[in-house]
Amino acid sequence: MNMILYKLFQDNPGLAGEVAKFCRTVPGYQTAEADFASQTDQISRLVGPECYLPFEAAMNAQLAYEARAYYLFGLGLRRELLSALEPDDQSPICASTPTPTATARKKASTI
């Protein structure tokens, strides 16, 4: 049953492309994206890639969990169903998002 639900709600390889295409049509998105890229570059230069990249990985993993939760809640799914979608070892919510190592998390927390 979990695999059926996973395939139905999360295993959607075309979703990222569709979201990117949609975002390009949203007024202000491209400006916000360029501003974010500029800030990312500036911070990376200041703290160095060895510190910034683990921070970015940790932030992306956390944001992916939140985005998926908002998506699933937006579909009107109940908490019980959301819990059923998560296996014991690792949630499929971020199956495609690399999880930072403890060292990376420690470095990122010093920023």
C-alpha atoms as a PDB file:
ATOM      1  CA  MET A   1       0.000   0.000   0.000  1.00  0.00           C
ATOM      2  CA  ASN A   2       2.799   2.436   0.875  1.00  0.00           C
ATOM      3  CA  MET A   3       4.402   1.943  -2.550  1.00  0.00           C
ATOM      4  CA  ILE A   4       1.086   2.673  -4.285  1.00  0.00           C
ATOM      5  CA  LEU A   5       0.726   5.893  -2.303  1.00  0.00           C
ATOM      6  CA  TYR A   6       4.364   6.785  -2.931  1.00  0.00           C
ATOM      7  CA  LYS A   7       3.980   6.292  -6.691  1.00  0.00           C
ATOM      8  CA  LEU A   8       0.741   8.244  -6.688  1.00  0.00           C
ATOM      9  CA  PHE A   9       1.916  11.283  -4.729  1.00  0.00           C
ATOM     10  CA  GLN A  10       5.698  11.417  -4.880  1.00  0.00           C
ATOM     11  CA  ASP A  11       7.241   9.451  -7.724  1.00  0.00           C
ATOM     12  CA  ASN A  12       6.566  12.034 -10.397  1.00  0.00           C
ATOM     13  CA  PRO A  13       9.673  12.528 -12.566  1.00  0.00           C
ATOM     14  CA  GLY A  14       8.076  15.274 -14.675  1.00  0.00           C
ATOM     15  CA  LEU A  15       7.062  17.402 -11.707  1.00  0.00           C
ATOM     16  CA  ALA A  16      10.311  19.385 -11.373  1.00  0.00           C
ATOM     17  CA  GLY A  17      10.248  20.382 -15.035  1.00  0.00           C
ATOM     18  CA  GLU A  18       6.619  21.435 -14.864  1.00  0.00           C
ATOM     19  CA  VAL A  19       7.221  23.486 -11.722  1.00  0.00           C
ATOM     20  CA  ALA A  20      10.245  25.187 -13.336  1.00  0.00           C
ATOM     21  CA  LYS A  21       8.212  25.981 -16.449  1.00  0.00           C
ATOM     22  CA  PHE A  22       5.395  27.408 -14.331  1.00  0.00           C
ATOM     23  CA  CYS A  23       7.769  29.494 -12.194  1.00  0.00           C
ATOM     24  CA  ARG A  24       9.175  31.166 -15.311  1.00  0.00           C
ATOM     25  CA  THR A  25       5.670  32.555 -15.963  1.00  0.00           C
ATOM     26  CA  VAL A  26       5.187  33.989 -12.444  1.00  0.00           C
ATOM     27  CA  PRO A  27       5.850  37.743 -12.352  1.00  0.00           C
ATOM     28  CA  GLY A  28       8.851  38.532 -10.187  1.00  0.00           C
ATOM     29  CA  TYR A  29      10.132  34.955  -9.983  1.00  0.00           C
ATOM     30  CA  GLN A  30      13.107  35.454 -12.293  1.00  0.00           C
ATOM     31  CA  THR A  31      14.141  38.589 -10.401  1.00  0.00           C
ATOM     32  CA  ALA A  32      13.876  36.753  -7.083  1.00  0.00           C
ATOM     33  CA  GLU A  33      15.855  33.830  -8.516  1.00  0.00           C
ATOM     34  CA  ALA A  34      18.611  36.158  -9.763  1.00  0.00           C
ATOM     35  CA  ASP A  35      18.729  37.967  -6.393  1.00  0.00           C
ATOM     36  CA  PHE A  36      19.016  34.636  -4.591  1.00  0.00           C
ATOM     37  CA  ALA A  37      21.823  33.481  -6.889  1.00  0.00           C
ATOM     38  CA  SER A  38      23.677  36.747  -6.299  1.00  0.00           C
ATOM     39  CA  GLN A  39      23.374  36.421  -2.514  1.00  0.00           C
ATOM     40  CA  THR A  40      24.403  32.755  -2.691  1.00  0.00           C
ATOM     41  CA  ASP A  41      27.546  33.637  -4.614  1.00  0.00           C
ATOM     42  CA  GLN A  42      28.409  36.442  -2.204  1.00  0.00           C
ATOM     43  CA  ILE A  43      28.009  34.277   0.907  1.00  0.00           C
ATOM     44  CA  SER A  44      29.918  31.397  -0.684  1.00  0.00           C
ATOM     45  CA  ARG A  45      32.834  33.724  -1.446  1.00  0.00           C
ATOM     46  CA  LEU A  46      32.822  35.084   2.129  1.00  0.00           C
ATOM     47  CA  VAL A  47      32.727  31.773   4.014  1.00  0.00           C
ATOM     48  CA  GLY A  48      34.281  29.533   1.362  1.00  0.00           C
ATOM     49  CA  PRO A  49      32.765  26.569  -0.441  1.00  0.00           C
ATOM     50  CA  GLU A  50      33.937  24.081   2.213  1.00  0.00           C
ATOM     51  CA  CYS A  51      31.622  25.813   4.684  1.00  0.00           C
ATOM     52  CA  TYR A  52      28.872  27.036   2.363  1.00  0.00           C
ATOM     53  CA  LEU A  53      28.180  23.815   0.418  1.00  0.00           C
ATOM     54  CA  PRO A  54      27.325  21.719   3.507  1.00  0.00           C
ATOM     55  CA  PHE A  55      25.128  24.569   4.738  1.00  0.00           C
ATOM     56  CA  GLU A  56      23.340  24.696   1.385  1.00  0.00           C
ATOM     57  CA  ALA A  57      22.834  20.910   1.388  1.00  0.00           C
ATOM     58  CA  ALA A  58      21.361  21.020   4.905  1.00  0.00           C
ATOM     59  CA  MET A  59      19.107  23.951   4.035  1.00  0.00           C
ATOM     60  CA  ASN A  60      17.908  22.289   0.822  1.00  0.00           C
ATOM     61  CA  ALA A  61      17.116  19.045   2.644  1.00  0.00           C
ATOM     62  CA  GLN A  62      15.094  20.906   5.282  1.00  0.00           C
ATOM     63  CA  LEU A  63      13.268  23.011   2.690  1.00  0.00           C
ATOM     64  CA  ALA A  64      12.487  19.892   0.629  1.00  0.00           C
ATOM     65  CA  TYR A  65      10.779  18.334   3.659  1.00  0.00           C
ATOM     66  CA  GLU A  66       8.736  21.491   4.218  1.00  0.00           C
ATOM     67  CA  ALA A  67       7.823  21.892   0.552  1.00  0.00           C
ATOM     68  CA  ARG A  68       6.680  18.282   0.316  1.00  0.00           C
ATOM     69  CA  ALA A  69       4.632  18.657   3.509  1.00  0.00           C
ATOM     70  CA  TYR A  70       2.948  21.800   2.162  1.00  0.00           C
ATOM     71  CA  TYR A  71       2.269  20.001  -1.107  1.00  0.00           C
ATOM     72  CA  LEU A  72       0.733  16.990   0.624  1.00  0.00           C
ATOM     73  CA  PHE A  73      -1.265  19.105   3.076  1.00  0.00           C
ATOM     74  CA  GLY A  74      -2.428  21.178   0.112  1.00  0.00           C
ATOM     75  CA  LEU A  75      -3.828  18.004  -1.383  1.00  0.00           C
ATOM     76  CA  GLY A  76      -5.901  17.697   1.776  1.00  0.00           C
ATOM     77  CA  LEU A  77      -4.205  14.544   2.983  1.00  0.00           C
ATOM     78  CA  ARG A  78      -4.630  13.649   6.614  1.00  0.00           C
ATOM     79  CA  ARG A  79      -1.719  13.297   9.022  1.00  0.00           C
ATOM     80  CA  GLU A  80      -2.332   9.534   9.219  1.00  0.00           C
ATOM     81  CA  LEU A  81      -1.837   9.182   5.482  1.00  0.00           C
ATOM     82  CA  LEU A  82       1.291  11.341   5.564  1.00  0.00           C
ATOM     83  CA  SER A  83       2.720   9.130   8.304  1.00  0.00           C
ATOM     84  CA  ALA A  84       1.909   6.022   6.282  1.00  0.00           C
ATOM     85  CA  LEU A  85       3.973   7.417   3.404  1.00  0.00           C
ATOM     86  CA  GLU A  86       7.119   7.498   5.566  1.00  0.00           C
ATOM     87  CA  PRO A  87       9.041   4.245   6.004  1.00  0.00           C
ATOM     88  CA  ASP A  88      10.852   3.669   9.291  1.00  0.00           C
ATOM     89  CA  ASP A  89      14.396   4.304   8.033  1.00  0.00           C
ATOM     90  CA  GLN A  90      14.065   7.380   5.794  1.00  0.00           C
ATOM     91  CA  SER A  91      11.182   9.384   4.491  1.00  0.00           C
ATOM     92  CA  PRO A  92      10.575   9.230   0.727  1.00  0.00           C
ATOM     93  CA  ILE A  93       9.769  12.906   1.054  1.00  0.00           C
ATOM     94  CA  CYS A  94      13.419  13.708   0.391  1.00  0.00           C
ATOM     95  CA  ALA A  95      14.570  10.501  -1.231  1.00  0.00           C
ATOM     96  CA  SER A  96      16.188  12.457  -4.052  1.00  0.00           C
ATOM     97  CA  THR A  97      17.722  15.064  -1.743  1.00  0.00           C
ATOM     98  CA  PRO A  98      21.122  14.163  -0.294  1.00  0.00           C
ATOM     99  CA  THR A  99      21.205  14.230   3.486  1.00  0.00           C
ATOM    100  CA  PRO A 100      24.215  16.110   4.859  1.00  0.00           C
ATOM    101  CA  THR A 101      26.652  14.267   7.072  1.00  0.00           C
ATOM    102  CA  ALA A 102      27.006  15.075  10.743  1.00  0.00           C
ATOM    103  CA  THR A 103      30.273  16.881   9.955  1.00  0.00           C
ATOM    104  CA  ALA A 104      28.530  18.984   7.328  1.00  0.00           C
ATOM    105  CA  ARG A 105      25.732  19.815   9.777  1.00  0.00           C
ATOM    106  CA  LYS A 106      28.288  20.787  12.429  1.00  0.00           C
ATOM    107  CA  LYS A 107      30.145  23.053   9.975  1.00  0.00           C
ATOM    108  CA  ALA A 108      26.880  24.588   8.773  1.00  0.00           C
ATOM    109  CA  SER A 109      25.808  25.326  12.356  1.00  0.00           C
ATOM    110  CA  THR A 110      28.923  27.439  12.894  1.00  0.00           C
ATOM    111  CA  ILE A 111      27.927  29.925  10.208  1.00  0.00           C
END
